[in-house]
Amino acid sequence: MSDIEERAKILATYIIETKSTVRATAKKFNISKSTVHKDISERLEKVNPSLASEAKKVLEINKAERHIRGGMATKRKYSHNNKAS
């Protein structure tokens, strides 16, 4: 097994265990978001389809909820600024 395939397994396990987003995973492992996405959606599919499927489920949930997280971040940003006024 190549290092890239091993990395794909590690990334998928991390995403599943922590419910992490692509962005957070990329930051944690110091790689690009596109690398995380490619590892999970393409490379891992060939090596371990069941692990890839589980990781994709977590990423789909994160994708569906991203507008909520974005709204919460905006709310925190502006509520913090209002307290200083």
C-alpha atoms as a PDB file:
ATOM      1  CA  MET A   1       0.000   0.000   0.000  1.00  0.00           C
ATOM      2  CA  SER A   2       1.333   3.425  -0.908  1.00  0.00           C
ATOM      3  CA  ASP A   3       1.789   6.342   1.460  1.00  0.00           C
ATOM      4  CA  ILE A   4      -1.021   8.186  -0.328  1.00  0.00           C
ATOM      5  CA  GLU A   5      -3.452   5.310   0.221  1.00  0.00           C
ATOM      6  CA  GLU A   6      -2.412   5.149   3.872  1.00  0.00           C
ATOM      7  CA  ARG A   7      -2.953   8.900   4.214  1.00  0.00           C
ATOM      8  CA  ALA A   8      -6.426   8.529   2.714  1.00  0.00           C
ATOM      9  CA  LYS A   9      -7.304   5.928   5.367  1.00  0.00           C
ATOM     10  CA  ILE A  10      -5.963   8.143   8.151  1.00  0.00           C
ATOM     11  CA  LEU A  11      -7.922  11.144   6.877  1.00  0.00           C
ATOM     12  CA  ALA A  12     -11.137   9.144   6.614  1.00  0.00           C
ATOM     13  CA  THR A  13     -10.735   7.725  10.110  1.00  0.00           C
ATOM     14  CA  TYR A  14     -10.112  11.216  11.483  1.00  0.00           C
ATOM     15  CA  ILE A  15     -13.178  12.636   9.707  1.00  0.00           C
ATOM     16  CA  ILE A  16     -15.408   9.825  10.966  1.00  0.00           C
ATOM     17  CA  GLU A  17     -14.171   9.930  14.568  1.00  0.00           C
ATOM     18  CA  THR A  18     -14.247  13.723  14.944  1.00  0.00           C
ATOM     19  CA  LYS A  19     -17.055  14.608  12.492  1.00  0.00           C
ATOM     20  CA  SER A  20     -14.523  17.031  11.040  1.00  0.00           C
ATOM     21  CA  THR A  21     -15.046  19.188   7.960  1.00  0.00           C
ATOM     22  CA  VAL A  22     -12.794  19.054   4.902  1.00  0.00           C
ATOM     23  CA  ARG A  23     -11.369  22.443   5.867  1.00  0.00           C
ATOM     24  CA  ALA A  24     -10.632  21.449   9.468  1.00  0.00           C
ATOM     25  CA  THR A  25      -9.106  18.150   8.366  1.00  0.00           C
ATOM     26  CA  ALA A  26      -6.885  19.884   5.817  1.00  0.00           C
ATOM     27  CA  LYS A  27      -5.702  22.323   8.469  1.00  0.00           C
ATOM     28  CA  LYS A  28      -5.032  19.543  10.995  1.00  0.00           C
ATOM     29  CA  PHE A  29      -2.918  17.524   8.530  1.00  0.00           C
ATOM     30  CA  ASN A  30      -1.380  20.581   6.846  1.00  0.00           C
ATOM     31  CA  ILE A  31      -2.595  19.661   3.360  1.00  0.00           C
ATOM     32  CA  SER A  32      -4.984  21.338   0.930  1.00  0.00           C
ATOM     33  CA  LYS A  33      -8.763  20.944   0.982  1.00  0.00           C
ATOM     34  CA  SER A  34      -8.634  19.544  -2.538  1.00  0.00           C
ATOM     35  CA  THR A  35      -6.192  16.847  -1.413  1.00  0.00           C
ATOM     36  CA  VAL A  36      -8.523  15.815   1.414  1.00  0.00           C
ATOM     37  CA  HIS A  37     -11.458  15.711  -0.977  1.00  0.00           C
ATOM     38  CA  LYS A  38      -9.575  13.736  -3.619  1.00  0.00           C
ATOM     39  CA  ASP A  39      -8.230  11.263  -1.045  1.00  0.00           C
ATOM     40  CA  ILE A  40     -11.705  10.554   0.306  1.00  0.00           C
ATOM     41  CA  SER A  41     -13.740  10.646  -2.892  1.00  0.00           C
ATOM     42  CA  GLU A  42     -11.341   8.956  -5.323  1.00  0.00           C
ATOM     43  CA  ARG A  43      -8.313   7.257  -3.802  1.00  0.00           C
ATOM     44  CA  LEU A  44      -9.968   5.704  -0.773  1.00  0.00           C
ATOM     45  CA  GLU A  45     -12.871   4.453  -2.892  1.00  0.00           C
ATOM     46  CA  LYS A  46     -10.454   2.071  -4.643  1.00  0.00           C
ATOM     47  CA  VAL A  47      -8.702   0.895  -1.465  1.00  0.00           C
ATOM     48  CA  ASN A  48     -11.496   0.724   1.117  1.00  0.00           C
ATOM     49  CA  PRO A  49     -14.978   1.504  -0.267  1.00  0.00           C
ATOM     50  CA  SER A  50     -16.787   1.027   3.045  1.00  0.00           C
ATOM     51  CA  LEU A  51     -14.502   3.463   4.868  1.00  0.00           C
ATOM     52  CA  ALA A  52     -14.882   5.929   1.995  1.00  0.00           C
ATOM     53  CA  SER A  53     -18.663   5.632   2.210  1.00  0.00           C
ATOM     54  CA  GLU A  54     -18.681   6.351   5.953  1.00  0.00           C
ATOM     55  CA  ALA A  55     -16.429   9.379   5.541  1.00  0.00           C
ATOM     56  CA  LYS A  56     -18.568  10.698   2.678  1.00  0.00           C
ATOM     57  CA  LYS A  57     -21.670  10.480   4.888  1.00  0.00           C
ATOM     58  CA  VAL A  58     -20.008  12.714   7.489  1.00  0.00           C
ATOM     59  CA  LEU A  59     -18.882  15.156   4.802  1.00  0.00           C
ATOM     60  CA  GLU A  60     -22.393  15.280   3.309  1.00  0.00           C
ATOM     61  CA  ILE A  61     -23.835  16.149   6.722  1.00  0.00           C
ATOM     62  CA  ASN A  62     -21.197  18.859   7.134  1.00  0.00           C
ATOM     63  CA  LYS A  63     -21.991  20.209   3.676  1.00  0.00           C
ATOM     64  CA  ALA A  64     -25.700  20.332   4.468  1.00  0.00           C
ATOM     65  CA  GLU A  65     -25.021  22.211   7.712  1.00  0.00           C
ATOM     66  CA  ARG A  66     -22.391  24.645   6.452  1.00  0.00           C
ATOM     67  CA  HIS A  67     -24.855  27.492   5.946  1.00  0.00           C
ATOM     68  CA  ILE A  68     -25.803  27.191   9.630  1.00  0.00           C
ATOM     69  CA  ARG A  69     -22.166  27.304  10.756  1.00  0.00           C
ATOM     70  CA  GLY A  70     -21.570  30.310   8.495  1.00  0.00           C
ATOM     71  CA  GLY A  71     -24.534  32.119  10.005  1.00  0.00           C
ATOM     72  CA  MET A  72     -23.330  31.346  13.526  1.00  0.00           C
ATOM     73  CA  ALA A  73     -19.848  32.657  12.701  1.00  0.00           C
ATOM     74  CA  THR A  74     -21.342  35.881  11.365  1.00  0.00           C
ATOM     75  CA  LYS A  75     -23.507  36.216  14.468  1.00  0.00           C
ATOM     76  CA  ARG A  76     -20.473  35.731  16.751  1.00  0.00           C
ATOM     77  CA  LYS A  77     -18.465  38.233  14.753  1.00  0.00           C
ATOM     78  CA  TYR A  78     -21.047  40.982  14.978  1.00  0.00           C
ATOM     79  CA  SER A  79     -22.240  40.289  18.514  1.00  0.00           C
ATOM     80  CA  HIS A  80     -18.613  40.563  19.645  1.00  0.00           C
ATOM     81  CA  ASN A  81     -18.270  43.927  17.888  1.00  0.00           C
ATOM     82  CA  ASN A  82     -21.490  45.251  19.445  1.00  0.00           C
ATOM     83  CA  LYS A  83     -20.243  44.519  22.968  1.00  0.00           C
ATOM     84  CA  ALA A  84     -17.272  46.807  22.412  1.00  0.00           C
ATOM     85  CA  SER A  85     -19.560  49.724  21.475  1.00  0.00           C
END
